[in-house]
Each structure stands twice: as structure tokens, then as C-alpha cells.
Amino acid sequence: MDPTASRLLMPLLFTGVLMGALDLAIIGPALPAIEAEFGMGSQQLSVLFNAYVLCQMIGTPLLAKAGDRIGPRQAYVFSIALFALGSLLLVVAKTPQVLYLGRAVQGFGAGGIFPIAAAVIGNRLPPKERGPALGVLGTVFGLAFIVGPVLGGLLLPYGWHWLFAINLPIAAVLAAGAVVLLPAAGSSTRKPIDSAGIVLLAASLTFLVVGIDQLDTGAVLASLRTWPVAGPLALVAILLPVFWRVEQRAADPIIRPGLLRSQPIVTAAIIGSGVGAIQAAGAFYPALAVGALGVSQSVAAWLQLPGVFVATAASPIAGRLINRVGTRTLITVGLALVAVSVLIFGLAQLTIPVYVAASVIGSIGLGGVLGAPLRVVMLDNCLPAERGAAQGLLSNFTSAGRLLGAAFVGTLAAMAGGGTPGYQSALVGVAVIAAVMSALGLTLQRRVPATG
């Protein structure tokens, strides 16, 4: 690869992923202003948030597969264009319906940005450079939750529309850069599009999100017997086996069945879902701080920052360590640290120093696992022609883990009586998940990725 292009490639990919991640972090500051302007209630605001999450989950495997099929350049530019279109719809929206559409289009486009970027790294960089590069990309999510509120504070005085309008010039620069820097070549053989697989996968993911979203964590068993929950989840249970059979017969499946026969791929995907559940548990930490430490909500928010900064730093460090100690060690040790951290939250007599220390320990572990090691496992164990699909698979397992993890923590907290004791009991359960994922990491291959 040309040295100049190589130097410009990472800033391009980094900025694209940051733009997509920021719109998950920046919607929070925008919601009160949107609520006031459109007279929306909490349920409508929830739909606005979930539209992005759902369509991102649908877009991830489809656009990642498109990158493998038609080439990363076209798929990446299309993803960026969709994201920009969604942003534009939000800026010009005059009704809640247009807002929903904008967030849905935005989320679908965002779904392709990270897996295509990771696949490009796998295809364009030598093995010894992949871990460090993916580690740098992993810093994006920590940065997003630092920069998002700050950017919101700077732009909100001029109107919430600017939080999304700023995406438009950035997207234009990214699309132009992608045309110059990203490879155009896709699969050398054109096979029929897996239309049935696309429809079944999109329907399965939609029903999964809808079913979990309707779950009442305070009365799980009762809500599971209601149609708004049981109906969608039953459809998921029916559709997934049908999807699997369709993929086995498809000429060019969205997810090649052989991919899921690879033990490292399956293990990494399962660990990714566990990591997603652990990330979801982090959303309850501010409430725990308010209840256990007696601090205000604003102070509780500030107490999250040390962990965010540490996670942001841990990701590139882990990326560089991959070539020295290997992915198995990083994943196993990282998740063991997470288990220790969550156990402290769940069992210790919390003070501010103990709370911050636990947060830092967990952030070291979590930041070191998700950014590069799991991504490298996927790159090392799939065919070059399906690296996008493999990255999309990991992203979706992680997203599903977040959905299930939030429901899991809420359920355990409610069963334990709610409040601080409930949150702490739930976090002990999360520590068990982290320990199991750490043990599962031991089954990964011992080898260190190639260094040449």
C-alpha cells in the first residue's frame, strides 16, 4: 500500500467510526430540546432512540456483506451517504414521523461503518499492524462519550439541529476520502443476492428488539406471558431456524454457515455478547452511585469519567500488546479484571475511592477486550472474502448482548427488591457472566498473530 495512502487511511476510518459513535452519545443532550419542540412523551422518545439501535443492528450484517460483495469503497460510501441522509432528515424534520425516519436511516447507515472499517484493516494492513490499528479504532467509543456531551453543550445554545447538521460536511469529506483511499474490488464472482436471508434476518432482529423492549423487568414472568413480549420472541424462535436453513442453501449467504462452524469465530461471538451484556450493566452505575454514595446525579455522571478515560487509553495499548502476548491472554485477563471490578461494585461497602477504583479496574479490562482482540480473532479465522461479514457478526452479537444484558440487570435488580441492594445483587450476576466469558477465552487458540 502506498505510504501516503496508508497514513491517510487510519484517520479516514477513525473519523467515520467516531461520527457514527457520536450519534449514539449525542442524542441524550438533544432529547430534552426535541421533546419540548415536538411535544413528545417518554414513549415517543424511546421510539426515537430505539429506531437507531434497531436499524443499526439490521444494517450491520447487510452493509458488511455488501462490502465483501461489491467492494469496501462502494459499501462505505453508501453507508456514509445513508448516515448523512438520516442526519439531513433530522435537521429538516417538522413532524415526529420524519424524526423517526431520520434516526432509522441514520442507524442503518451507521451499521456498516465499523465492520467495513475493520475489514479494510484486515485486507489492507499486514498482520502485525492490524492489532494496533483496531486498538486505535476501539478508542472511538470512549471518546464519543467524552466528546458527545461537550459537543452538545457547545452546539445546543444554537439549536439541537446543529448536533446533526455537523455530520453533513464531515460525511462529504469522508465519502470523498473513501473514493480515493478505499479499494473498489469486491468478490470476483457475482452470485444471486440472498434476498430471502435478508428479509428473514431483518425480521428476526426487529422482533428481537421489539420483544425485549416491551419486557417489564419488574415482572418478567408475567410480561413473558403477554402478547407484546411473547409474540415477537416466539417469532424470533421460529424465524431463526428458517433463516439458518435458507443460508445453508443460498448461493451467496448473508452469513456463510461455515463461518459458524469455526470454533474461534463462535467463541469470539459468544464472548462479544457477554461483553455487550457487561457494557449494558454499566448504564446502571450512575444510579448505583446516587443510591450507595448519596451523591447527586451530576456528580454520579462525573464519577464515570475516570473509567471512560482509562478505557479509551486501554484499547490502543491492548492493540499493541496483541503481537506480544496474543489475543487469548488479553481476552482472558481482561475479562477477569472485569469480573473483579463488578464484584467490588456488587459486594463492597462503596465509597467514592472504592467506586472509582472499581470503575478503573473494569475499564482496563473492558477496553482491552472489545477494541482489538476479539476483532483480530475474527480476522484470523475467516476467509479474506468474508471479513466484513465476520466483523458484522461480532457487532450484532455484541448489540444483542447489550439488549439482553439491560433486561438481565433490570430483572435481577427488581427481584432483589430494587434500589442499591437490588443493583448490587444484579451486578454479582454480571460478575458471574464476566467470569464465564474469561474462562471461555481460555479455549481460544494459544498462538500469537503473525508478525510479518
Protein backbone atom coordinates (compact mmCIF):
# COMPACT_ATOMS: atom_id res chain seq x y z
CA MET A 1 0.00 0.00 0.00
CA ASP A 2 1.27 3.50 -0.88
CA PRO A 3 2.85 5.08 2.28
CA THR A 4 0.91 8.34 1.88
CA ALA A 5 -2.38 6.48 1.42
CA SER A 6 -1.53 4.28 4.41
CA ARG A 7 -1.04 7.36 6.60
CA LEU A 8 -4.38 8.81 5.48
CA LEU A 9 -6.34 5.55 5.74
CA MET A 10 -6.49 5.37 9.52
CA PRO A 11 -7.65 8.99 10.03
CA LEU A 12 -10.39 8.34 7.47
CA LEU A 13 -11.61 5.16 9.16
CA PHE A 14 -11.23 6.64 12.65
CA THR A 15 -13.29 9.74 11.80
CA GLY A 16 -16.03 7.67 10.19
CA VAL A 17 -16.40 5.39 13.21
CA LEU A 18 -16.28 8.40 15.57
CA MET A 19 -19.06 10.13 13.63
CA GLY A 20 -21.29 7.06 13.95
CA ALA A 21 -20.48 6.54 17.63
CA LEU A 22 -21.08 10.20 18.47
CA ASP A 23 -24.67 10.00 17.35
CA LEU A 24 -25.35 7.38 20.00
CA ALA A 25 -23.83 9.65 22.65
CA ILE A 26 -25.16 12.96 21.38
CA ILE A 27 -28.84 12.05 21.20
CA GLY A 28 -29.07 12.29 25.00
CA PRO A 29 -28.35 16.04 25.20
CA ALA A 30 -30.67 16.64 22.24
CA LEU A 31 -33.70 14.78 23.63
CA PRO A 32 -35.00 17.47 26.05
CA ALA A 33 -34.98 20.09 23.28
CA ILE A 34 -36.63 17.69 20.80
CA GLU A 35 -39.22 16.78 23.43
CA ALA A 36 -40.04 20.44 24.01
CA GLU A 37 -40.26 21.35 20.30
CA PHE A 38 -42.40 18.40 19.19
CA GLY A 39 -44.36 17.82 22.41
CA MET A 40 -43.22 14.21 22.51
CA GLY A 41 -43.71 11.91 25.50
CA SER A 42 -41.27 9.43 27.02
CA GLN A 43 -42.61 6.56 24.90
CA GLN A 44 -42.09 8.54 21.69
CA LEU A 45 -38.57 9.48 22.75
CA SER A 46 -37.88 5.81 23.41
CA VAL A 47 -39.01 5.00 19.87
CA LEU A 48 -36.69 7.72 18.56
CA PHE A 49 -33.74 6.13 20.37
CA ASN A 50 -34.65 2.54 19.55
CA ALA A 51 -35.15 3.28 15.84
CA TYR A 52 -31.42 3.96 15.59
CA VAL A 53 -30.45 0.86 17.59
CA LEU A 54 -32.76 -1.46 15.63
CA CYS A 55 -31.79 -0.21 12.18
CA GLN A 56 -28.11 -0.26 13.11
CA MET A 57 -28.45 -3.95 14.00
CA ILE A 58 -30.18 -4.63 10.68
CA GLY A 59 -27.74 -2.52 8.69
CA THR A 60 -24.63 -4.07 10.21
CA PRO A 61 -24.77 -7.55 8.60
CA LEU A 62 -26.27 -6.30 5.35
CA LEU A 63 -23.78 -3.49 4.71
CA ALA A 64 -20.86 -5.57 5.98
CA LYS A 65 -21.84 -8.27 3.48
CA ALA A 66 -22.16 -5.60 0.78
CA GLY A 67 -18.55 -4.61 1.48
CA ASP A 68 -17.44 -8.17 0.82
CA ARG A 69 -19.67 -8.48 -2.23
CA ILE A 70 -19.33 -5.18 -4.14
CA GLY A 71 -16.15 -3.82 -2.52
CA PRO A 72 -15.47 -1.70 0.57
CA ARG A 73 -15.32 1.60 -1.32
CA GLN A 74 -18.87 1.44 -2.64
CA ALA A 75 -20.30 -0.03 0.56
CA TYR A 76 -18.52 2.51 2.77
CA VAL A 77 -19.60 5.48 0.65
CA PHE A 78 -23.18 4.13 0.66
CA SER A 79 -23.10 3.75 4.46
CA ILE A 80 -21.80 7.30 4.89
CA ALA A 81 -24.39 8.64 2.41
CA LEU A 82 -27.22 6.96 4.31
CA PHE A 83 -25.91 8.35 7.57
CA ALA A 84 -25.79 11.84 6.05
CA LEU A 85 -29.30 11.47 4.61
CA GLY A 86 -30.63 10.46 8.03
CA SER A 87 -28.89 13.46 9.59
CA LEU A 88 -30.43 15.76 6.98
CA LEU A 89 -33.90 14.36 7.67
CA LEU A 90 -33.43 15.13 11.36
CA VAL A 91 -32.35 18.68 10.59
CA VAL A 92 -35.38 19.46 8.37
CA ALA A 93 -37.94 17.38 10.30
CA LYS A 94 -41.25 19.09 11.04
CA THR A 95 -43.05 16.06 12.47
CA PRO A 96 -42.11 13.19 14.82
CA GLN A 97 -42.57 10.74 11.94
CA VAL A 98 -39.77 12.38 9.96
CA LEU A 99 -37.60 12.28 13.09
CA TYR A 100 -38.18 8.53 13.40
CA LEU A 101 -37.35 8.05 9.73
CA GLY A 102 -34.18 10.13 10.07
CA ARG A 103 -32.92 8.14 13.03
CA ALA A 104 -33.77 4.86 11.28
CA VAL A 105 -31.88 5.81 8.11
CA GLN A 106 -29.01 7.15 10.19
CA GLY A 107 -28.80 3.96 12.24
CA PHE A 108 -28.90 1.72 9.16
CA GLY A 109 -26.00 3.63 7.60
CA ALA A 110 -24.02 3.63 10.84
CA GLY A 111 -24.32 -0.15 10.95
CA GLY A 112 -21.92 -0.52 8.04
CA ILE A 113 -19.23 1.93 9.10
CA PHE A 114 -17.35 -0.04 11.78
CA PRO A 115 -17.41 -3.56 10.27
CA ILE A 116 -16.33 -2.25 6.86
CA ALA A 117 -13.54 -0.26 8.51
CA ALA A 118 -12.36 -3.35 10.42
CA ALA A 119 -12.49 -5.48 7.26
CA VAL A 120 -10.43 -2.87 5.36
CA ILE A 121 -7.82 -3.02 8.11
CA GLY A 122 -7.75 -6.81 7.78
CA ASN A 123 -7.39 -6.66 4.00
CA ARG A 124 -5.05 -3.70 3.58
CA LEU A 125 -2.68 -3.88 6.54
CA PRO A 126 -0.13 -6.62 7.31
CA PRO A 127 -0.93 -8.87 10.29
CA LYS A 128 1.48 -7.12 12.66
CA GLU A 129 -0.29 -3.78 12.09
CA ARG A 130 -3.88 -4.99 12.46
CA GLY A 131 -3.98 -5.16 16.26
CA PRO A 132 -2.61 -1.63 16.80
CA ALA A 133 -4.93 -0.23 14.11
CA LEU A 134 -8.03 -1.90 15.57
CA GLY A 135 -6.95 -0.75 19.02
CA VAL A 136 -6.95 2.83 17.78
CA LEU A 137 -10.45 2.37 16.34
CA GLY A 138 -11.54 0.97 19.71
CA THR A 139 -10.77 4.30 21.39
CA VAL A 140 -13.59 5.87 19.42
CA PHE A 141 -16.39 4.67 21.69
CA GLY A 142 -14.76 6.06 24.81
CA LEU A 143 -14.05 9.34 23.03
CA ALA A 144 -17.65 9.52 21.83
CA PHE A 145 -18.98 9.54 25.37
CA ILE A 146 -16.45 12.22 26.33
CA VAL A 147 -16.85 14.42 23.27
CA GLY A 148 -20.63 13.89 22.86
CA PRO A 149 -21.79 15.80 25.96
CA VAL A 150 -19.17 18.51 25.37
CA LEU A 151 -20.25 18.94 21.75
CA GLY A 152 -23.85 19.01 22.91
CA GLY A 153 -23.08 21.79 25.36
CA LEU A 154 -21.34 23.84 22.67
CA LEU A 155 -23.99 23.46 19.95
CA LEU A 156 -27.28 23.24 21.85
CA PRO A 157 -27.45 27.01 22.52
CA TYR A 158 -27.72 27.46 18.74
CA GLY A 159 -30.41 24.78 18.37
CA TRP A 160 -30.48 20.99 18.62
CA HIS A 161 -30.47 20.74 14.81
CA TRP A 162 -26.77 21.62 14.77
CA LEU A 163 -25.96 18.40 16.62
CA PHE A 164 -26.92 16.56 13.43
CA ALA A 165 -26.16 19.21 10.81
CA ILE A 166 -22.47 18.98 11.74
CA ASN A 167 -22.48 15.45 10.28
CA LEU A 168 -23.13 16.70 6.75
CA PRO A 169 -19.75 18.33 5.93
CA ILE A 170 -17.91 15.54 7.77
CA ALA A 171 -19.77 12.91 5.73
CA ALA A 172 -18.91 14.73 2.48
CA VAL A 173 -15.19 14.71 3.34
CA LEU A 174 -15.35 11.04 4.38
CA ALA A 175 -17.08 10.00 1.15
CA ALA A 176 -14.51 11.86 -0.95
CA GLY A 177 -11.67 10.29 1.03
CA ALA A 178 -13.17 6.82 0.67
CA VAL A 179 -13.32 7.18 -3.11
CA VAL A 180 -9.58 7.90 -3.14
CA LEU A 181 -8.31 5.58 -0.40
CA LEU A 182 -10.52 2.51 -0.18
CA PRO A 183 -10.23 -0.45 -2.57
CA ALA A 184 -13.01 -0.85 -5.08
CA ALA A 185 -12.70 -4.56 -5.76
CA GLY A 186 -15.26 -6.90 -4.25
CA SER A 187 -15.97 -10.55 -4.86
CA SER A 188 -14.60 -11.76 -8.20
CA THR A 189 -17.74 -13.83 -8.83
CA ARG A 190 -21.22 -12.34 -8.78
CA LYS A 191 -23.82 -14.67 -7.31
CA PRO A 192 -27.55 -14.11 -6.75
CA ILE A 193 -28.38 -11.83 -3.83
CA ASP A 194 -29.63 -13.69 -0.75
CA SER A 195 -32.98 -11.84 -0.70
CA ALA A 196 -34.73 -14.40 1.50
CA GLY A 197 -31.88 -14.31 4.01
CA ILE A 198 -32.00 -10.51 4.12
CA VAL A 199 -35.74 -10.47 4.83
CA LEU A 200 -35.58 -13.23 7.46
CA LEU A 201 -32.60 -11.70 9.27
CA ALA A 202 -34.14 -8.21 9.30
CA ALA A 203 -37.44 -9.61 10.59
CA SER A 204 -35.70 -11.69 13.29
CA LEU A 205 -33.71 -8.71 14.57
CA THR A 206 -36.78 -6.46 14.51
CA PHE A 207 -38.88 -8.89 16.55
CA LEU A 208 -35.97 -9.43 18.98
CA VAL A 209 -35.62 -5.70 19.68
CA VAL A 210 -39.40 -5.18 19.92
CA GLY A 211 -39.87 -8.13 22.27
CA ILE A 212 -37.05 -7.18 24.62
CA ASP A 213 -38.08 -3.52 24.56
CA GLN A 214 -41.58 -4.46 25.79
CA LEU A 215 -40.24 -6.64 28.62
CA ASP A 216 -41.21 -5.45 32.10
CA THR A 217 -38.10 -6.11 34.18
CA GLY A 218 -40.14 -5.67 37.36
CA ALA A 219 -42.42 -8.55 36.41
CA VAL A 220 -40.54 -10.66 33.90
CA LEU A 221 -42.54 -13.88 34.12
CA ALA A 222 -45.83 -12.03 33.88
CA SER A 223 -44.69 -9.93 30.92
CA LEU A 224 -43.37 -13.01 29.10
CA ARG A 225 -46.96 -14.27 29.05
CA THR A 226 -48.23 -11.12 27.33
CA TRP A 227 -48.52 -10.87 23.54
CA PRO A 228 -46.37 -7.72 23.17
CA VAL A 229 -43.44 -9.75 24.57
CA ALA A 230 -44.26 -13.40 23.88
CA GLY A 231 -45.45 -12.80 20.32
CA PRO A 232 -42.27 -11.16 18.94
CA LEU A 233 -39.94 -13.51 20.85
CA ALA A 234 -41.87 -16.55 19.60
CA LEU A 235 -41.47 -15.24 16.05
CA VAL A 236 -37.72 -14.94 16.62
CA ALA A 237 -37.61 -18.56 17.76
CA ILE A 238 -39.47 -19.58 14.58
CA LEU A 239 -37.60 -17.38 12.11
CA LEU A 240 -34.00 -18.09 13.17
CA PRO A 241 -34.08 -21.83 12.25
CA VAL A 242 -35.73 -20.90 8.95
CA PHE A 243 -33.01 -18.31 8.34
CA TRP A 244 -30.34 -20.92 9.08
CA ARG A 245 -31.82 -23.35 6.54
CA VAL A 246 -32.06 -20.61 3.92
CA GLU A 247 -28.42 -19.66 4.49
CA GLN A 248 -27.34 -23.26 4.00
CA ARG A 249 -28.93 -23.29 0.55
CA ALA A 250 -28.14 -19.72 -0.58
CA ALA A 251 -25.57 -19.21 -3.34
CA ASP A 252 -24.09 -16.21 -1.50
CA PRO A 253 -25.48 -16.22 2.05
CA ILE A 254 -25.51 -13.14 4.28
CA ILE A 255 -23.75 -15.29 6.90
CA ARG A 256 -21.95 -18.32 5.49
CA PRO A 257 -22.88 -21.34 7.66
CA GLY A 258 -19.26 -22.46 7.61
CA LEU A 259 -18.35 -19.28 9.45
CA LEU A 260 -20.34 -20.50 12.44
CA ARG A 261 -18.64 -23.89 12.33
CA SER A 262 -15.35 -22.27 13.27
CA GLN A 263 -14.74 -22.72 16.99
CA PRO A 264 -12.75 -19.46 17.39
CA ILE A 265 -15.41 -17.48 15.49
CA VAL A 266 -18.25 -18.87 17.61
CA THR A 267 -16.26 -18.38 20.81
CA ALA A 268 -15.44 -14.77 19.94
CA ALA A 269 -19.09 -14.09 19.06
CA ILE A 270 -20.32 -15.55 22.38
CA ILE A 271 -17.71 -13.56 24.30
CA GLY A 272 -18.81 -10.48 22.33
CA SER A 273 -22.39 -11.00 23.51
CA GLY A 274 -21.14 -11.33 27.09
CA VAL A 275 -19.14 -8.12 26.73
CA GLY A 276 -22.26 -6.41 25.40
CA ALA A 277 -24.20 -7.53 28.48
CA ILE A 278 -21.43 -6.20 30.72
CA GLN A 279 -21.49 -2.87 28.87
CA ALA A 280 -25.26 -2.67 29.39
CA ALA A 281 -24.74 -3.15 33.12
CA GLY A 282 -22.57 -0.02 33.08
CA ALA A 283 -25.69 2.04 32.36
CA PHE A 284 -26.83 1.29 35.93
CA TYR A 285 -23.63 2.55 37.58
CA PRO A 286 -24.76 6.19 37.92
CA ALA A 287 -27.96 5.07 39.70
CA LEU A 288 -25.82 2.90 41.98
CA ALA A 289 -23.59 5.88 42.77
CA VAL A 290 -26.61 8.03 43.64
CA GLY A 291 -28.07 5.37 45.94
CA ALA A 292 -24.90 3.98 47.54
CA LEU A 293 -22.80 7.14 47.79
CA GLY A 294 -25.55 9.70 48.28
CA VAL A 295 -24.25 11.96 45.52
CA SER A 296 -26.29 13.99 43.05
CA GLN A 297 -26.98 12.78 39.52
CA SER A 298 -24.48 15.27 38.09
CA VAL A 299 -21.72 14.09 40.45
CA ALA A 300 -22.60 10.47 39.59
CA ALA A 301 -22.10 11.34 35.92
CA TRP A 302 -18.69 12.87 36.65
CA LEU A 303 -17.67 9.72 38.53
CA GLN A 304 -17.94 7.77 35.27
CA LEU A 305 -15.24 9.84 33.57
CA PRO A 306 -12.13 8.15 35.07
CA GLY A 307 -13.33 4.81 33.72
CA VAL A 308 -14.10 6.29 30.30
CA PHE A 309 -10.63 7.85 30.05
CA VAL A 310 -8.95 4.61 31.13
CA ALA A 311 -10.95 2.50 28.67
CA THR A 312 -10.02 4.92 25.88
CA ALA A 313 -6.33 4.51 26.74
CA ALA A 314 -6.54 0.73 27.27
CA SER A 315 -7.81 -0.05 23.77
CA PRO A 316 -4.73 1.08 21.77
CA ILE A 317 -2.40 -0.41 24.39
CA ALA A 318 -4.14 -3.78 24.06
CA GLY A 319 -3.89 -3.46 20.28
CA ARG A 320 -0.12 -3.16 20.52
CA LEU A 321 0.15 -6.00 23.03
CA ILE A 322 -1.59 -8.45 20.68
CA ASN A 323 1.63 -9.09 18.78
CA ARG A 324 3.46 -9.83 22.05
CA VAL A 325 1.09 -11.83 24.22
CA GLY A 326 -1.68 -12.90 21.83
CA THR A 327 -5.42 -12.48 21.82
CA ARG A 328 -6.22 -15.33 24.22
CA THR A 329 -4.24 -13.82 27.09
CA LEU A 330 -5.67 -10.34 26.58
CA ILE A 331 -9.26 -11.58 26.44
CA THR A 332 -8.92 -13.90 29.45
CA VAL A 333 -7.09 -11.43 31.68
CA GLY A 334 -9.24 -8.51 30.57
CA LEU A 335 -12.49 -10.26 31.44
CA ALA A 336 -11.04 -11.49 34.74
CA LEU A 337 -10.37 -7.84 35.62
CA VAL A 338 -13.94 -7.00 34.67
CA ALA A 339 -15.22 -9.78 36.95
CA VAL A 340 -13.16 -8.39 39.86
CA SER A 341 -14.43 -4.89 39.15
CA VAL A 342 -18.10 -5.88 39.06
CA LEU A 343 -17.71 -7.98 42.21
CA ILE A 344 -16.38 -4.90 44.01
CA PHE A 345 -19.43 -2.95 42.87
CA GLY A 346 -21.69 -5.78 43.96
CA LEU A 347 -20.18 -6.79 47.31
CA ALA A 348 -18.07 -3.98 48.72
CA GLN A 349 -19.04 -1.19 51.06
CA LEU A 350 -18.88 1.54 48.47
CA THR A 351 -17.11 4.85 48.99
CA ILE A 352 -16.06 7.28 46.27
CA PRO A 353 -12.44 5.97 46.16
CA VAL A 354 -13.65 2.34 46.06
CA TYR A 355 -16.20 3.21 43.38
CA VAL A 356 -13.62 4.95 41.17
CA ALA A 357 -11.05 2.18 41.71
CA ALA A 358 -13.58 -0.48 40.69
CA SER A 359 -14.52 1.56 37.63
CA VAL A 360 -10.88 1.91 36.57
CA ILE A 361 -10.15 -1.80 37.02
CA GLY A 362 -13.15 -2.75 34.92
CA SER A 363 -12.34 -0.19 32.25
CA ILE A 364 -8.82 -1.54 31.86
CA GLY A 365 -10.26 -4.99 31.26
CA LEU A 366 -13.18 -4.00 29.06
CA GLY A 367 -11.19 -1.50 26.99
CA GLY A 368 -8.58 -4.15 26.40
CA VAL A 369 -11.02 -6.80 25.17
CA LEU A 370 -13.51 -5.21 22.81
CA GLY A 371 -11.36 -2.83 20.80
CA ALA A 372 -8.89 -5.17 19.11
CA PRO A 373 -8.54 -8.75 20.46
CA LEU A 374 -12.00 -10.03 19.51
CA ARG A 375 -11.80 -8.28 16.14
CA VAL A 376 -8.42 -9.87 15.43
CA VAL A 377 -9.78 -13.32 16.31
CA MET A 378 -12.49 -12.81 13.69
CA LEU A 379 -9.99 -11.61 11.07
CA ASP A 380 -7.63 -14.51 11.71
CA ASN A 381 -10.29 -17.20 11.39
CA CYS A 382 -12.38 -16.24 8.39
CA LEU A 383 -11.81 -16.17 4.65
CA PRO A 384 -10.46 -12.88 3.24
CA ALA A 385 -13.61 -12.58 1.13
CA GLU A 386 -15.88 -12.61 4.21
CA ARG A 387 -14.03 -10.36 6.63
CA GLY A 388 -16.79 -7.77 6.52
CA ALA A 389 -19.47 -10.36 7.27
CA ALA A 390 -17.40 -11.72 10.18
CA GLN A 391 -16.99 -8.24 11.68
CA GLY A 392 -20.70 -7.60 11.25
CA LEU A 393 -21.46 -10.87 13.01
CA LEU A 394 -19.38 -9.84 16.02
CA SER A 395 -21.02 -6.40 16.10
CA ASN A 396 -24.50 -7.90 16.11
CA PHE A 397 -23.72 -10.43 18.82
CA THR A 398 -22.39 -7.57 20.94
CA SER A 399 -25.51 -5.48 20.28
CA ALA A 400 -27.78 -8.42 21.16
CA GLY A 401 -25.78 -8.86 24.36
CA ARG A 402 -26.43 -5.23 25.26
CA LEU A 403 -30.17 -5.66 24.78
CA LEU A 404 -30.32 -8.86 26.83
CA GLY A 405 -27.88 -7.54 29.43
CA ALA A 406 -30.02 -4.49 30.19
CA ALA A 407 -33.06 -6.75 30.67
CA PHE A 408 -31.00 -9.18 32.79
CA VAL A 409 -29.71 -6.50 35.16
CA GLY A 410 -33.12 -4.85 35.45
CA THR A 411 -34.75 -8.20 36.22
CA LEU A 412 -32.23 -9.22 38.90
CA ALA A 413 -32.39 -5.77 40.49
CA ALA A 414 -36.19 -5.94 40.67
CA MET A 415 -36.13 -9.48 42.10
CA ALA A 416 -33.73 -8.31 44.82
CA GLY A 417 -36.06 -5.51 45.87
CA GLY A 418 -34.71 -2.65 43.78
CA GLY A 419 -32.64 0.29 44.99
CA THR A 420 -28.99 -0.06 45.92
CA PRO A 421 -29.28 -3.66 47.25
CA GLY A 422 -31.04 -4.65 44.03
CA TYR A 423 -28.39 -3.11 41.79
CA GLN A 424 -25.58 -4.71 43.80
CA SER A 425 -27.22 -8.14 43.66
CA ALA A 426 -27.67 -7.77 39.91
CA LEU A 427 -24.00 -6.84 39.48
CA VAL A 428 -22.94 -10.02 41.24
CA GLY A 429 -24.80 -11.82 38.46
CA VAL A 430 -22.92 -9.74 35.88
CA ALA A 431 -19.64 -10.72 37.57
CA VAL A 432 -20.58 -14.37 37.01
CA ILE A 433 -21.08 -13.60 33.30
CA ALA A 434 -17.65 -11.93 33.14
CA ALA A 435 -16.00 -14.90 34.88
CA VAL A 436 -17.65 -17.37 32.49
CA MET A 437 -16.53 -15.28 29.48
CA SER A 438 -13.00 -15.16 30.88
CA ALA A 439 -12.97 -18.95 31.21
CA LEU A 440 -14.34 -19.26 27.68
CA GLY A 441 -11.43 -17.15 26.48
CA LEU A 442 -9.09 -19.93 27.57
CA THR A 443 -10.49 -22.13 24.82
CA LEU A 444 -9.23 -19.78 22.11
CA GLN A 445 -6.10 -20.60 20.18
CA ARG A 446 -2.83 -20.06 22.02
CA ARG A 447 -0.93 -18.68 19.05
CA VAL A 448 0.08 -15.06 18.67
CA PRO A 449 -0.98 -13.46 15.37
CA ALA A 450 1.68 -13.37 12.67
CA THR A 451 4.16 -10.50 12.93
CA GLY A 452 5.22 -10.27 9.32
